[in-house]
Protein backbone atom coordinates (compact mmCIF):
# COMPACT_ATOMS: atom_id res chain seq x y z
CA MET A 1 138.66 50.54 73.81
CA LYS A 2 137.97 52.68 70.74
CA LYS A 3 134.31 51.58 70.82
CA MET A 4 134.03 52.64 74.49
CA LYS A 5 135.47 56.08 73.69
CA MET A 6 133.08 56.44 70.76
CA ILE A 7 130.08 55.47 72.93
CA SER A 8 131.23 57.86 75.64
CA ARG A 9 131.52 60.73 73.16
CA LEU A 10 128.13 59.92 71.64
CA THR A 11 126.50 59.84 75.09
CA ALA A 12 128.07 63.15 76.04
CA GLY A 13 126.88 64.70 72.77
CA LEU A 14 123.31 63.49 73.31
CA MET A 15 123.29 64.82 76.88
CA THR A 16 124.55 68.20 75.70
CA ALA A 17 121.91 68.34 72.97
CA GLY A 18 119.24 67.41 75.51
CA ILE A 19 120.30 70.16 77.91
CA MET A 20 120.32 72.73 75.09
CA ALA A 21 116.85 71.63 74.00
CA LEU A 22 115.52 72.01 77.55
CA GLN A 23 117.06 75.46 77.84
CA ALA A 24 115.41 76.49 74.58
CA MET A 25 111.93 75.42 75.74
CA PRO A 26 109.68 78.32 76.88
CA VAL A 27 108.89 78.41 80.58
CA PHE A 28 105.32 79.15 81.56
CA ALA A 29 104.93 80.26 85.15
CA ASP A 30 102.20 82.00 87.08
CA GLY A 31 103.03 84.84 89.41
CA ASP A 32 101.49 87.61 91.48
CA VAL A 33 100.93 91.04 89.94
CA VAL A 34 100.91 94.13 92.16
CA LEU A 35 98.98 96.97 90.52
CA ASP A 36 99.95 100.61 90.99
CA CYS A 37 97.41 102.42 93.18
CA LYS A 38 99.20 105.76 93.50
CA ASP A 39 96.37 107.51 91.60
CA ALA A 40 93.61 106.05 93.75
CA LYS A 41 91.20 108.57 95.21
CA GLU A 42 88.55 108.69 97.89
CA SER A 43 85.20 107.51 96.62
CA SER A 44 81.72 106.94 97.92
CA ASN A 45 78.25 105.89 96.83
CA TRP A 46 79.18 103.54 93.94
CA SER A 47 81.93 105.71 92.44
CA THR A 48 85.47 104.75 91.31
CA SER A 49 88.52 104.78 93.55
CA VAL A 50 91.00 103.35 91.03
CA ASP A 51 90.87 101.58 87.65
CA PHE A 52 93.27 99.68 85.41
CA SER A 53 92.75 99.60 81.64
CA TYR A 54 94.29 97.44 78.93
CA ALA A 55 94.66 100.39 76.54
CA SER A 56 96.88 102.32 78.95
CA GLY A 57 99.03 99.26 79.60
CA ALA A 58 97.96 99.11 83.24
CA PHE A 59 96.78 95.48 83.14
CA ASP A 60 95.66 92.80 80.69
CA ALA A 61 92.77 90.90 82.28
CA THR A 62 93.51 87.82 80.14
CA ARG A 63 96.47 87.20 82.46
CA ILE A 64 93.98 86.23 85.18
CA THR A 65 93.78 82.45 85.59
CA GLU A 66 91.32 80.12 87.31
CA ASN A 67 93.71 80.04 90.28
CA SER A 68 93.87 83.82 90.59
CA ILE A 69 92.57 85.75 93.58
CA VAL A 70 92.16 89.52 93.47
CA LYS A 71 93.21 90.93 96.84
CA VAL A 72 92.28 94.51 97.67
CA ASP A 73 93.41 96.65 100.59
CA PHE A 74 91.59 99.87 101.41
CA GLU A 75 90.84 102.49 104.00
CA VAL A 76 87.37 103.32 105.25
CA ILE A 77 87.12 107.05 105.91
CA GLY A 78 84.41 107.98 108.38
CA ASP A 79 81.53 105.88 109.63
CA ARG A 80 79.56 103.22 107.82
CA ALA A 81 76.29 104.41 106.31
CA GLU A 82 73.16 103.01 107.84
CA GLY A 83 71.51 100.23 105.81
CA SER A 84 74.47 99.95 103.43
CA ALA A 85 75.99 96.94 101.67
CA ASP A 86 77.98 94.45 103.72
CA TYR A 87 81.21 95.22 101.86
CA PRO A 88 82.90 98.61 101.26
CA VAL A 89 84.61 97.89 97.90
CA GLU A 90 83.27 96.26 94.75
CA LEU A 91 85.08 95.03 91.64
CA ILE A 92 83.75 96.05 88.23
CA ILE A 93 84.79 94.21 85.05
CA GLN A 94 84.07 96.49 82.10
CA SER A 95 84.11 95.90 78.35
CA TRP A 96 83.05 97.92 75.34
CA SER A 97 85.05 96.11 72.63
CA TYR A 98 82.27 93.88 71.28
CA PRO A 99 82.28 91.81 74.48
CA GLU A 100 81.44 88.13 74.43
CA SER A 101 79.27 88.06 77.52
CA THR A 102 75.75 87.15 78.49
CA LEU A 103 75.44 90.52 80.27
CA VAL A 104 75.83 92.90 77.32
CA THR A 105 73.68 96.00 77.80
CA PRO A 106 71.68 97.66 74.98
CA ASP A 107 74.58 100.07 74.38
CA GLY A 108 76.89 97.12 73.65
CA GLN A 109 78.87 97.20 76.88
CA VAL A 110 79.34 95.09 79.96
CA TRP A 111 79.48 96.50 83.47
CA GLY A 112 80.02 93.35 85.51
CA LYS A 113 79.72 93.84 89.25
CA VAL A 114 81.61 91.32 91.39
CA VAL A 115 80.86 90.69 95.06
CA PRO A 116 83.87 89.78 97.25
CA SER A 117 84.20 86.26 98.63
CA VAL A 118 86.25 87.45 101.62
CA VAL A 119 85.48 90.61 103.59
CA GLU A 120 87.71 91.73 106.42
CA GLU A 121 88.56 95.07 107.97
CA GLY A 122 90.50 96.95 105.29
CA HIS A 123 90.77 93.87 103.06
CA GLU A 124 88.65 92.01 100.51
CA GLU A 125 89.21 89.16 98.07
CA PHE A 126 87.52 88.23 94.79
CA ASN A 127 87.85 84.73 93.33
CA TRP A 128 87.71 83.39 89.78
CA SER A 129 84.20 81.91 89.90
CA ASP A 130 82.71 85.14 91.26
CA MET A 131 84.47 87.15 88.52
CA ILE A 132 83.01 84.86 85.85
CA GLU A 133 79.55 85.18 87.34
CA GLY A 134 79.84 88.96 87.60
CA TYR A 135 81.17 89.38 84.05
CA GLY A 136 78.94 86.78 82.43
CA SER A 137 81.74 84.87 80.70
CA ASP A 138 85.05 83.13 81.38
CA ASN A 139 86.49 84.76 78.23
CA PHE A 140 88.32 87.94 79.26
CA ASP A 141 89.77 88.61 75.76
CA LYS A 142 87.67 91.76 75.43
CA VAL A 143 87.81 93.10 78.97
CA ASP A 144 88.90 96.72 78.59
CA LYS A 145 89.10 97.77 82.21
CA ILE A 146 88.86 96.51 85.79
CA ILE A 147 87.57 99.01 88.32
CA PHE A 148 87.63 99.15 92.11
CA GLY A 149 85.03 101.44 93.59
CA SER A 150 82.99 102.12 96.67
CA THR A 151 79.58 100.74 97.43
CA ASN A 152 77.13 102.76 99.53
CA TYR A 153 79.02 101.57 102.63
CA GLY A 154 80.76 104.95 103.00
CA THR A 155 83.86 106.76 101.82
CA VAL A 156 86.76 104.48 100.94
CA LYS A 157 90.16 104.67 99.29
CA VAL A 158 91.89 101.68 97.70
CA THR A 159 95.50 101.42 98.89
CA GLY A 160 96.64 98.19 97.24
CA VAL A 161 95.63 95.60 94.65
CA THR A 162 97.37 92.25 94.13
CA ILE A 163 96.21 89.62 91.64
CA THR A 164 97.71 86.22 92.38
CA ASN A 165 98.68 83.41 90.00
CA CYS A 166 98.66 85.53 86.83
CA ALA A 167 100.00 84.24 83.51
CA ASP A 168 103.25 85.88 82.39
CA GLU A 169 101.66 87.16 79.17
CA GLY A 170 98.16 88.06 78.08
CA HIS A 171 96.31 87.62 74.79
CA HIS A 172 93.87 90.54 74.72
CA TRP A 173 91.72 90.99 71.61
CA ILE A 174 92.84 93.79 69.31
CA ASP A 175 90.51 95.53 66.89
CA PRO A 176 91.27 94.30 63.31
CA ALA A 177 91.31 97.93 62.13
CA ILE A 178 94.14 98.66 64.56
CA LEU A 179 96.02 95.56 63.44
CA GLU A 180 95.62 96.67 59.82
CA GLN A 181 97.00 100.13 60.65
CA GLU A 182 99.94 98.61 62.54
CA GLU A 183 100.71 96.27 59.62
CA ALA A 184 100.58 99.15 57.13
CA ALA A 185 102.91 101.21 59.32
CA LYS A 186 105.27 98.23 59.61
CA GLN A 187 105.36 97.71 55.84
CA GLU A 188 106.00 101.44 55.26
CA LYS A 189 108.84 101.34 57.78
CA GLU A 190 110.38 98.30 56.05
CA ALA A 191 110.04 99.99 52.63
CA ASN A 192 111.73 103.15 53.92
CA LYS A 193 114.47 101.03 55.46
CA LYS A 194 115.12 99.32 52.12
CA LYS A 195 115.19 102.70 50.35
CA ASN A 196 117.73 103.98 52.85
CA ILE A 197 119.90 100.88 52.38
CA VAL A 198 119.74 101.22 48.58
CA GLY A 199 120.64 104.91 48.87
CA ILE A 200 123.63 104.12 51.08
CA VAL A 201 124.84 101.39 48.70
CA VAL A 202 124.43 103.67 45.66
CA GLY A 203 126.33 106.41 47.47
CA ILE A 204 129.17 104.05 48.37
CA VAL A 205 129.39 102.67 44.80
CA ALA A 206 129.33 106.20 43.36
CA GLY A 207 132.13 107.19 45.73
CA ILE A 208 134.23 104.19 44.74
CA VAL A 209 133.68 104.85 41.02
CA ALA A 210 134.61 108.52 41.47
CA ALA A 211 137.77 107.53 43.33
CA ILE A 212 138.74 105.03 40.60
CA VAL A 213 138.16 107.62 37.87
CA ALA A 214 140.24 110.18 39.76
CA VAL A 215 143.10 107.71 40.20
CA PHE A 216 142.89 106.70 36.54
CA ILE A 217 143.04 110.33 35.40
CA PHE A 218 145.91 111.03 37.75
CA VAL A 219 147.91 107.99 36.59
CA THR A 220 147.15 108.70 32.91
CA LYS A 221 148.22 112.27 33.29
CA LYS A 222 151.44 111.35 35.06
CA SER A 223 152.29 108.73 32.44
CA SER A 224 152.15 111.43 29.73
CA GLU A 225 154.44 113.74 31.69
CA ALA A 226 158.17 113.80 32.39
CA PHE A 227 160.20 115.52 35.06
CA ASP A 228 162.06 118.56 33.72
CA VAL A 229 165.32 118.81 35.64
CA SER A 230 165.86 122.41 34.60
CA THR A 231 162.55 123.62 36.03
CA GLY A 232 161.96 120.95 38.71
CA GLU A 233 158.39 120.35 37.47
CA PHE A 234 156.42 117.74 35.53
CA VAL A 235 155.86 118.78 31.92
CA ASP A 236 154.42 117.18 28.87
CA LYS A 237 156.88 114.70 27.42
CA LYS A 238 156.79 116.61 24.13
CA ASP A 239 158.17 119.68 25.87
CA ALA A 240 160.74 117.84 28.02
CA LYS A 241 164.35 118.81 27.36
């Protein structure tokens, strides 16, 4: 009977430990990201309607996965231009941070044009393989900005952008000089924090010492005095009557 209870307790303990271990494991899930297009503007003839940069915190392109689809909604304002492209909106993948791409221009940048795989009225879609082809690499670590602009189709305005199946977190490349500055600032902050703590501790200790000294003086003084009944005050014992 005791053995059964022991086995039961051991089993329960192992199950609890297993549940806690599972809860502690990180969960990696892909989800859709809806980008903010409130600043989008009307554009035409290969100009920009809206863009999203890593530096501003708008979007980290490294969150895009091989299962991602970039879905764009837009308005066409006016008539289509004669002899224009077959699609109103194009996707541009831009990089200037030492990009690892086969399409680097002489000025050290990439301006990767991506043609949509789906074109409907007021809607286009761009898939992973087309983005890789347009950018010249499947490594988006150094993508600084994604841009949605008009072709020569006519005047358009982007009204919505959704990127499906995005990773929860990105891993964008950061310039080593920036990392060095951030580390120096962090160390300075830690040093100042330690100085503040030391100052507080010294202040507390000094206060305690001062209080002890004051009490000691007070007690010492009182021990050398006696209460004079005739005057109702403490006087030196030598002068006490």
